PDB file of all heavy atoms in Angstrom:
ATOM      1  N   SER A   1      -8.712   2.171  -2.363  1.00  0.00           N
ATOM      2  CA  SER A   1      -8.439   1.169  -1.335  1.00  0.00           C
ATOM      3  C   SER A   1      -7.135   1.405  -0.559  1.00  0.00           C
ATOM      4  O   SER A   1      -6.886   0.734   0.433  1.00  0.00           O
ATOM      5  CB  SER A   1      -8.429  -0.235  -1.957  1.00  0.00           C
ATOM      6  OG  SER A   1      -7.378  -0.362  -2.880  1.00  0.00           O
ATOM      7  N   ILE A   2      -6.333   2.360  -0.969  1.00  0.00           N
ATOM      8  CA  ILE A   2      -5.044   2.604  -0.307  1.00  0.00           C
ATOM      9  C   ILE A   2      -5.249   2.958   1.163  1.00  0.00           C
ATOM     10  O   ILE A   2      -4.685   2.314   2.055  1.00  0.00           O
ATOM     11  CB  ILE A   2      -4.240   3.708  -1.026  1.00  0.00           C
ATOM     12  CG1 ILE A   2      -3.867   3.242  -2.437  1.00  0.00           C
ATOM     13  CG2 ILE A   2      -2.982   4.074  -0.227  1.00  0.00           C
ATOM     14  CD1 ILE A   2      -3.290   4.337  -3.311  1.00  0.00           C
ATOM     15  N   ASN A   3      -6.057   3.983   1.434  1.00  0.00           N
ATOM     16  CA  ASN A   3      -6.266   4.417   2.820  1.00  0.00           C
ATOM     17  C   ASN A   3      -6.955   3.345   3.663  1.00  0.00           C
ATOM     18  O   ASN A   3      -6.615   3.163   4.835  1.00  0.00           O
ATOM     19  CB  ASN A   3      -7.068   5.719   2.865  1.00  0.00           C
ATOM     20  CG  ASN A   3      -6.259   6.896   2.359  1.00  0.00           C
ATOM     21  OD1 ASN A   3      -5.024   6.868   2.374  1.00  0.00           O
ATOM     22  ND2 ASN A   3      -6.952   7.923   1.887  1.00  0.00           N
ATOM     23  N   VAL A   4      -7.898   2.649   3.065  1.00  0.00           N
ATOM     24  CA  VAL A   4      -8.609   1.582   3.778  1.00  0.00           C
ATOM     25  C   VAL A   4      -7.620   0.496   4.195  1.00  0.00           C
ATOM     26  O   VAL A   4      -7.624   0.033   5.346  1.00  0.00           O
ATOM     27  CB  VAL A   4      -9.742   0.986   2.893  1.00  0.00           C
ATOM     28  CG1 VAL A   4     -10.360  -0.237   3.541  1.00  0.00           C
ATOM     29  CG2 VAL A   4     -10.789   2.040   2.582  1.00  0.00           C
ATOM     30  N   LEU A   5      -6.744   0.116   3.291  1.00  0.00           N
ATOM     31  CA  LEU A   5      -5.757  -0.925   3.577  1.00  0.00           C
ATOM     32  C   LEU A   5      -4.738  -0.447   4.615  1.00  0.00           C
ATOM     33  O   LEU A   5      -4.357  -1.204   5.511  1.00  0.00           O
ATOM     34  CB  LEU A   5      -5.063  -1.338   2.275  1.00  0.00           C
ATOM     35  CG  LEU A   5      -4.346  -2.664   2.236  1.00  0.00           C
ATOM     36  CD1 LEU A   5      -5.208  -3.813   2.730  1.00  0.00           C
ATOM     37  CD2 LEU A   5      -3.845  -2.940   0.812  1.00  0.00           C
ATOM     38  N   GLN A   6      -4.330   0.820   4.525  1.00  0.00           N
ATOM     39  CA  GLN A   6      -3.408   1.369   5.524  1.00  0.00           C
ATOM     40  C   GLN A   6      -4.049   1.384   6.907  1.00  0.00           C
ATOM     41  O   GLN A   6      -3.402   1.044   7.901  1.00  0.00           O
ATOM     42  CB  GLN A   6      -2.966   2.782   5.119  1.00  0.00           C
ATOM     43  CG  GLN A   6      -1.979   2.780   3.980  1.00  0.00           C
ATOM     44  CD  GLN A   6      -1.677   4.174   3.457  1.00  0.00           C
ATOM     45  OE1 GLN A   6      -2.507   5.087   3.511  1.00  0.00           O
ATOM     46  NE2 GLN A   6      -0.476   4.341   2.918  1.00  0.00           N
ATOM     47  N   GLU A   7      -5.300   1.760   6.989  1.00  0.00           N
ATOM     48  CA  GLU A   7      -6.013   1.768   8.272  1.00  0.00           C
ATOM     49  C   GLU A   7      -6.140   0.352   8.828  1.00  0.00           C
ATOM     50  O   GLU A   7      -5.976   0.131  10.024  1.00  0.00           O
ATOM     51  CB  GLU A   7      -7.389   2.420   8.132  1.00  0.00           C
ATOM     52  CG  GLU A   7      -7.339   3.925   8.021  1.00  0.00           C
ATOM     53  CD  GLU A   7      -6.624   4.571   9.212  1.00  0.00           C
ATOM     54  OE1 GLU A   7      -6.917   4.223  10.385  1.00  0.00           O
ATOM     55  OE2 GLU A   7      -5.747   5.425   8.965  1.00  0.00           O
ATOM     56  N   TYR A   8      -6.430  -0.594   7.955  1.00  0.00           N
ATOM     57  CA  TYR A   8      -6.537  -1.978   8.399  1.00  0.00           C
ATOM     58  C   TYR A   8      -5.203  -2.473   8.962  1.00  0.00           C
ATOM     59  O   TYR A   8      -5.172  -3.125  10.007  1.00  0.00           O
ATOM     60  CB  TYR A   8      -7.008  -2.884   7.252  1.00  0.00           C
ATOM     61  CG  TYR A   8      -7.072  -4.334   7.652  1.00  0.00           C
ATOM     62  CD1 TYR A   8      -8.073  -4.795   8.511  1.00  0.00           C
ATOM     63  CD2 TYR A   8      -6.118  -5.238   7.204  1.00  0.00           C
ATOM     64  CE1 TYR A   8      -8.122  -6.120   8.902  1.00  0.00           C
ATOM     65  CE2 TYR A   8      -6.163  -6.565   7.586  1.00  0.00           C
ATOM     66  CZ  TYR A   8      -7.161  -7.000   8.441  1.00  0.00           C
ATOM     67  OH  TYR A   8      -7.213  -8.314   8.832  1.00  0.00           O
ATOM     68  N   ALA A   9      -4.116  -2.134   8.299  1.00  0.00           N
ATOM     69  CA  ALA A   9      -2.782  -2.538   8.782  1.00  0.00           C
ATOM     70  C   ALA A   9      -2.538  -1.982  10.183  1.00  0.00           C
ATOM     71  O   ALA A   9      -2.025  -2.691  11.063  1.00  0.00           O
ATOM     72  CB  ALA A   9      -1.697  -2.067   7.817  1.00  0.00           C
ATOM     73  N   LYS A  10      -2.934  -0.750  10.414  1.00  0.00           N
ATOM     74  CA  LYS A  10      -2.767  -0.147  11.752  1.00  0.00           C
ATOM     75  C   LYS A  10      -3.628  -0.877  12.785  1.00  0.00           C
ATOM     76  O   LYS A  10      -3.194  -1.106  13.913  1.00  0.00           O
ATOM     77  CB  LYS A  10      -3.148   1.336  11.722  1.00  0.00           C
ATOM     78  CG  LYS A  10      -2.140   2.210  11.025  1.00  0.00           C
ATOM     79  CD  LYS A  10      -2.617   3.648  11.004  1.00  0.00           C
ATOM     80  CE  LYS A  10      -1.778   4.492  10.086  1.00  0.00           C
ATOM     81  NZ  LYS A  10      -2.318   5.840   9.923  1.00  0.00           N
ATOM     82  N   GLN A  11      -4.853  -1.220  12.414  1.00  0.00           N
ATOM     83  CA  GLN A  11      -5.770  -1.890  13.339  1.00  0.00           C
ATOM     84  C   GLN A  11      -5.266  -3.258  13.774  1.00  0.00           C
ATOM     85  O   GLN A  11      -5.457  -3.652  14.919  1.00  0.00           O
ATOM     86  CB  GLN A  11      -7.155  -2.048  12.699  1.00  0.00           C
ATOM     87  CG  GLN A  11      -7.930  -0.775  12.573  1.00  0.00           C
ATOM     88  CD  GLN A  11      -9.216  -0.990  11.799  1.00  0.00           C
ATOM     89  OE1 GLN A  11      -9.597  -2.120  11.480  1.00  0.00           O
ATOM     90  NE2 GLN A  11      -9.889   0.110  11.483  1.00  0.00           N
ATOM     91  N   VAL A  12      -4.645  -3.974  12.861  1.00  0.00           N
ATOM     92  CA  VAL A  12      -4.164  -5.311  13.202  1.00  0.00           C
ATOM     93  C   VAL A  12      -2.708  -5.278  13.656  1.00  0.00           C
ATOM     94  O   VAL A  12      -2.070  -6.310  13.795  1.00  0.00           O
ATOM     95  CB  VAL A  12      -4.357  -6.319  12.038  1.00  0.00           C
ATOM     96  CG1 VAL A  12      -5.830  -6.530  11.750  1.00  0.00           C
ATOM     97  CG2 VAL A  12      -3.601  -5.904  10.807  1.00  0.00           C
ATOM     98  N   ASN A  13      -2.224  -4.033  13.922  1.00  0.00           N
ATOM     99  CA  ASN A  13      -0.886  -3.821  14.459  1.00  0.00           C
ATOM    100  C   ASN A  13       0.198  -4.385  13.545  1.00  0.00           C
ATOM    101  O   ASN A  13       1.171  -4.979  13.990  1.00  0.00           O
ATOM    102  CB  ASN A  13      -0.769  -4.422  15.867  1.00  0.00           C
ATOM    103  CG  ASN A  13       0.399  -3.806  16.617  1.00  0.00           C
ATOM    104  OD1 ASN A  13       0.850  -2.712  16.288  1.00  0.00           O
ATOM    105  ND2 ASN A  13       0.888  -4.510  17.621  1.00  0.00           N
ATOM    106  N   GLU A  14       0.022  -4.206  12.277  1.00  0.00           N
ATOM    107  CA  GLU A  14       1.000  -4.660  11.292  1.00  0.00           C
ATOM    108  C   GLU A  14       1.887  -3.481  10.885  1.00  0.00           C
ATOM    109  O   GLU A  14       1.447  -2.339  10.853  1.00  0.00           O
ATOM    110  CB  GLU A  14       0.301  -5.207  10.039  1.00  0.00           C
ATOM    111  CG  GLU A  14      -0.455  -6.481  10.261  1.00  0.00           C
ATOM    112  CD  GLU A  14       0.454  -7.687  10.410  1.00  0.00           C
ATOM    113  OE1 GLU A  14       1.606  -7.650   9.951  1.00  0.00           O
ATOM    114  OE2 GLU A  14      -0.014  -8.675  10.994  1.00  0.00           O
ATOM    115  N   SER A  15       3.108  -3.773  10.560  1.00  0.00           N
ATOM    116  CA  SER A  15       4.014  -2.743  10.064  1.00  0.00           C
ATOM    117  C   SER A  15       4.049  -2.748   8.546  1.00  0.00           C
ATOM    118  O   SER A  15       4.955  -2.198   7.934  1.00  0.00           O
ATOM    119  CB  SER A  15       5.424  -2.978  10.624  1.00  0.00           C
ATOM    120  OG  SER A  15       5.909  -4.233  10.183  1.00  0.00           O
ATOM    121  N   ALA A  16       3.058  -3.364   7.953  1.00  0.00           N
ATOM    122  CA  ALA A  16       3.011  -3.479   6.498  1.00  0.00           C
ATOM    123  C   ALA A  16       2.977  -2.114   5.837  1.00  0.00           C
ATOM    124  O   ALA A  16       2.394  -1.160   6.356  1.00  0.00           O
ATOM    125  CB  ALA A  16       1.779  -4.284   6.083  1.00  0.00           C
ATOM    126  N   LYS A  17       3.608  -2.041   4.690  1.00  0.00           N
ATOM    127  CA  LYS A  17       3.585  -0.845   3.851  1.00  0.00           C
ATOM    128  C   LYS A  17       2.621  -1.114   2.707  1.00  0.00           C
ATOM    129  O   LYS A  17       2.636  -2.182   2.104  1.00  0.00           O
ATOM    130  CB  LYS A  17       4.974  -0.543   3.282  1.00  0.00           C
ATOM    131  CG  LYS A  17       6.065  -0.408   4.321  1.00  0.00           C
ATOM    132  CD  LYS A  17       5.859   0.825   5.158  1.00  0.00           C
ATOM    133  CE  LYS A  17       6.999   0.974   6.158  1.00  0.00           C
ATOM    134  NZ  LYS A  17       6.870   2.142   6.982  1.00  0.00           N
ATOM    135  N   VAL A  18       1.796  -0.145   2.419  1.00  0.00           N
ATOM    136  CA  VAL A  18       0.816  -0.284   1.346  1.00  0.00           C
ATOM    137  C   VAL A  18       1.346   0.415   0.102  1.00  0.00           C
ATOM    138  O   VAL A  18       1.738   1.580   0.156  1.00  0.00           O
ATOM    139  CB  VAL A  18      -0.552   0.283   1.750  1.00  0.00           C
ATOM    140  CG1 VAL A  18      -1.540   0.216   0.591  1.00  0.00           C
ATOM    141  CG2 VAL A  18      -1.092  -0.469   2.973  1.00  0.00           C
ATOM    142  N   VAL A  19       1.370  -0.319  -0.988  1.00  0.00           N
ATOM    143  CA  VAL A  19       1.849   0.208  -2.263  1.00  0.00           C
ATOM    144  C   VAL A  19       0.728   0.037  -3.280  1.00  0.00           C
ATOM    145  O   VAL A  19       0.133  -1.043  -3.392  1.00  0.00           O
ATOM    146  CB  VAL A  19       3.124  -0.537  -2.723  1.00  0.00           C
ATOM    147  CG1 VAL A  19       3.533  -0.122  -4.129  1.00  0.00           C
ATOM    148  CG2 VAL A  19       4.272  -0.302  -1.736  1.00  0.00           C
ATOM    149  N   TYR A  20       0.464   1.088  -4.010  1.00  0.00           N
ATOM    150  CA  TYR A  20      -0.530   1.038  -5.074  1.00  0.00           C
ATOM    151  C   TYR A  20       0.106   0.322  -6.271  1.00  0.00           C
ATOM    152  O   TYR A  20       1.137   0.738  -6.789  1.00  0.00           O
ATOM    153  CB  TYR A  20      -0.989   2.450  -5.433  1.00  0.00           C
ATOM    154  CG  TYR A  20      -2.008   2.554  -6.535  1.00  0.00           C
ATOM    155  CD1 TYR A  20      -3.059   1.645  -6.654  1.00  0.00           C
ATOM    156  CD2 TYR A  20      -1.934   3.588  -7.455  1.00  0.00           C
ATOM    157  CE1 TYR A  20      -3.995   1.758  -7.667  1.00  0.00           C
ATOM    158  CE2 TYR A  20      -2.865   3.717  -8.471  1.00  0.00           C
ATOM    159  CZ  TYR A  20      -3.895   2.800  -8.576  1.00  0.00           C
ATOM    160  OH  TYR A  20      -4.816   2.911  -9.589  1.00  0.00           O
ATOM    161  N   PHE A  21      -0.494  -0.779  -6.686  1.00  0.00           N
ATOM    162  CA  PHE A  21       0.053  -1.621  -7.746  1.00  0.00           C
ATOM    163  C   PHE A  21       0.427  -0.814  -8.994  1.00  0.00           C
ATOM    164  O   PHE A  21       1.515  -0.979  -9.549  1.00  0.00           O
ATOM    165  CB  PHE A  21      -0.948  -2.723  -8.106  1.00  0.00           C
ATOM    166  CG  PHE A  21      -0.511  -3.548  -9.273  1.00  0.00           C
ATOM    167  CD1 PHE A  21       0.331  -4.635  -9.087  1.00  0.00           C
ATOM    168  CD2 PHE A  21      -0.908  -3.228 -10.565  1.00  0.00           C
ATOM    169  CE1 PHE A  21       0.761  -5.392 -10.162  1.00  0.00           C
ATOM    170  CE2 PHE A  21      -0.483  -3.981 -11.646  1.00  0.00           C
ATOM    171  CZ  PHE A  21       0.349  -5.060 -11.447  1.00  0.00           C
ATOM    172  N   THR A  22      -0.463   0.047  -9.452  1.00  0.00           N
ATOM    173  CA  THR A  22      -0.233   0.821 -10.667  1.00  0.00           C
ATOM    174  C   THR A  22       0.988   1.729 -10.522  1.00  0.00           C
ATOM    175  O   THR A  22       1.759   1.890 -11.472  1.00  0.00           O
ATOM    176  CB  THR A  22      -1.490   1.636 -11.032  1.00  0.00           C
ATOM    177  OG1 THR A  22      -2.583   0.720 -11.190  1.00  0.00           O
ATOM    178  CG2 THR A  22      -1.305   2.437 -12.304  1.00  0.00           C
ATOM    179  N   ASP A  23       1.173   2.305  -9.330  1.00  0.00           N
ATOM    180  CA  ASP A  23       2.355   3.152  -9.101  1.00  0.00           C
ATOM    181  C   ASP A  23       3.636   2.332  -9.166  1.00  0.00           C
ATOM    182  O   ASP A  23       4.648   2.787  -9.703  1.00  0.00           O
ATOM    183  CB  ASP A  23       2.269   3.856  -7.743  1.00  0.00           C
ATOM    184  CG  ASP A  23       1.237   4.964  -7.713  1.00  0.00           C
ATOM    185  OD1 ASP A  23       0.753   5.383  -8.786  1.00  0.00           O
ATOM    186  OD2 ASP A  23       0.902   5.413  -6.592  1.00  0.00           O
ATOM    187  N   LEU A  24       3.609   1.130  -8.631  1.00  0.00           N
ATOM    188  CA  LEU A  24       4.789   0.271  -8.676  1.00  0.00           C
ATOM    189  C   LEU A  24       5.128  -0.084 -10.124  1.00  0.00           C
ATOM    190  O   LEU A  24       6.300  -0.022 -10.527  1.00  0.00           O
ATOM    191  CB  LEU A  24       4.562  -0.998  -7.848  1.00  0.00           C
ATOM    192  CG  LEU A  24       5.741  -1.969  -7.751  1.00  0.00           C
ATOM    193  CD1 LEU A  24       6.963  -1.298  -7.135  1.00  0.00           C
ATOM    194  CD2 LEU A  24       5.333  -3.189  -6.927  1.00  0.00           C
ATOM    195  N   LEU A  25       4.147  -0.409 -10.901  1.00  0.00           N
ATOM    196  CA  LEU A  25       4.373  -0.729 -12.308  1.00  0.00           C
ATOM    197  C   LEU A  25       4.908   0.504 -13.054  1.00  0.00           C
ATOM    198  O   LEU A  25       5.852   0.399 -13.844  1.00  0.00           O
ATOM    199  CB  LEU A  25       3.088  -1.234 -12.957  1.00  0.00           C
ATOM    200  CG  LEU A  25       3.189  -1.629 -14.430  1.00  0.00           C
ATOM    201  CD1 LEU A  25       4.234  -2.727 -14.641  1.00  0.00           C
ATOM    202  CD2 LEU A  25       1.823  -2.075 -14.946  1.00  0.00           C
ATOM    203  N   GLU A  26       4.335   1.647 -12.787  1.00  0.00           N
ATOM    204  CA  GLU A  26       4.788   2.884 -13.428  1.00  0.00           C
ATOM    205  C   GLU A  26       6.246   3.185 -13.063  1.00  0.00           C
ATOM    206  O   GLU A  26       7.042   3.572 -13.920  1.00  0.00           O
ATOM    207  CB  GLU A  26       3.892   4.057 -13.017  1.00  0.00           C
ATOM    208  CG  GLU A  26       4.273   5.369 -13.653  1.00  0.00           C
ATOM    209  CD  GLU A  26       3.369   6.516 -13.227  1.00  0.00           C
ATOM    210  OE1 GLU A  26       2.238   6.266 -12.773  1.00  0.00           O
ATOM    211  OE2 GLU A  26       3.811   7.672 -13.354  1.00  0.00           O
ATOM    212  N   GLU A  27       6.586   2.981 -11.816  1.00  0.00           N
ATOM    213  CA  GLU A  27       7.977   3.231 -11.401  1.00  0.00           C
ATOM    214  C   GLU A  27       8.942   2.232 -12.015  1.00  0.00           C
ATOM    215  O   GLU A  27      10.092   2.565 -12.286  1.00  0.00           O
ATOM    216  CB  GLU A  27       8.096   3.254  -9.879  1.00  0.00           C
ATOM    217  CG  GLU A  27       7.577   4.525  -9.264  1.00  0.00           C
ATOM    218  CD  GLU A  27       8.129   5.794  -9.920  1.00  0.00           C
ATOM    219  OE1 GLU A  27       9.365   5.904 -10.116  1.00  0.00           O
ATOM    220  OE2 GLU A  27       7.321   6.675 -10.255  1.00  0.00           O
ATOM    221  N   PHE A  28       8.499   1.004 -12.231  1.00  0.00           N
ATOM    222  CA  PHE A  28       9.333   0.044 -12.946  1.00  0.00           C
ATOM    223  C   PHE A  28       9.633   0.560 -14.353  1.00  0.00           C
ATOM    224  O   PHE A  28      10.779   0.522 -14.817  1.00  0.00           O
ATOM    225  CB  PHE A  28       8.662  -1.334 -13.015  1.00  0.00           C
ATOM    226  CG  PHE A  28       9.285  -2.236 -14.032  1.00  0.00           C
ATOM    227  CD1 PHE A  28      10.530  -2.811 -13.797  1.00  0.00           C
ATOM    228  CD2 PHE A  28       8.642  -2.496 -15.234  1.00  0.00           C
ATOM    229  CE1 PHE A  28      11.127  -3.629 -14.750  1.00  0.00           C
ATOM    230  CE2 PHE A  28       9.233  -3.317 -16.189  1.00  0.00           C
ATOM    231  CZ  PHE A  28      10.479  -3.877 -15.948  1.00  0.00           C
ATOM    232  N   VAL A  29       8.616   1.048 -15.048  1.00  0.00           N
ATOM    233  CA  VAL A  29       8.809   1.578 -16.402  1.00  0.00           C
ATOM    234  C   VAL A  29       9.767   2.770 -16.363  1.00  0.00           C
ATOM    235  O   VAL A  29      10.707   2.845 -17.173  1.00  0.00           O
ATOM    236  CB  VAL A  29       7.457   1.970 -17.040  1.00  0.00           C
ATOM    237  CG1 VAL A  29       7.661   2.712 -18.355  1.00  0.00           C
ATOM    238  CG2 VAL A  29       6.581   0.736 -17.232  1.00  0.00           C
ATOM    239  N   ASN A  30       9.562   3.678 -15.427  1.00  0.00           N
ATOM    240  CA  ASN A  30      10.454   4.835 -15.302  1.00  0.00           C
ATOM    241  C   ASN A  30      11.885   4.398 -14.989  1.00  0.00           C
ATOM    242  O   ASN A  30      12.847   4.944 -15.543  1.00  0.00           O
ATOM    243  CB  ASN A  30       9.960   5.791 -14.212  1.00  0.00           C
ATOM    244  CG  ASN A  30       8.656   6.453 -14.569  1.00  0.00           C
ATOM    245  OD1 ASN A  30       8.284   6.567 -15.732  1.00  0.00           O
ATOM    246  ND2 ASN A  30       7.923   6.897 -13.558  1.00  0.00           N
TER     247      ASN A  30
END
């Protein structure tokens, strides 16, 4: 869903950043 969500953000002209939840959790642990 990462690419789909990034494409959607572009379509609705949002500057949102897409973060994969699991990667964020992993980086917290690291």
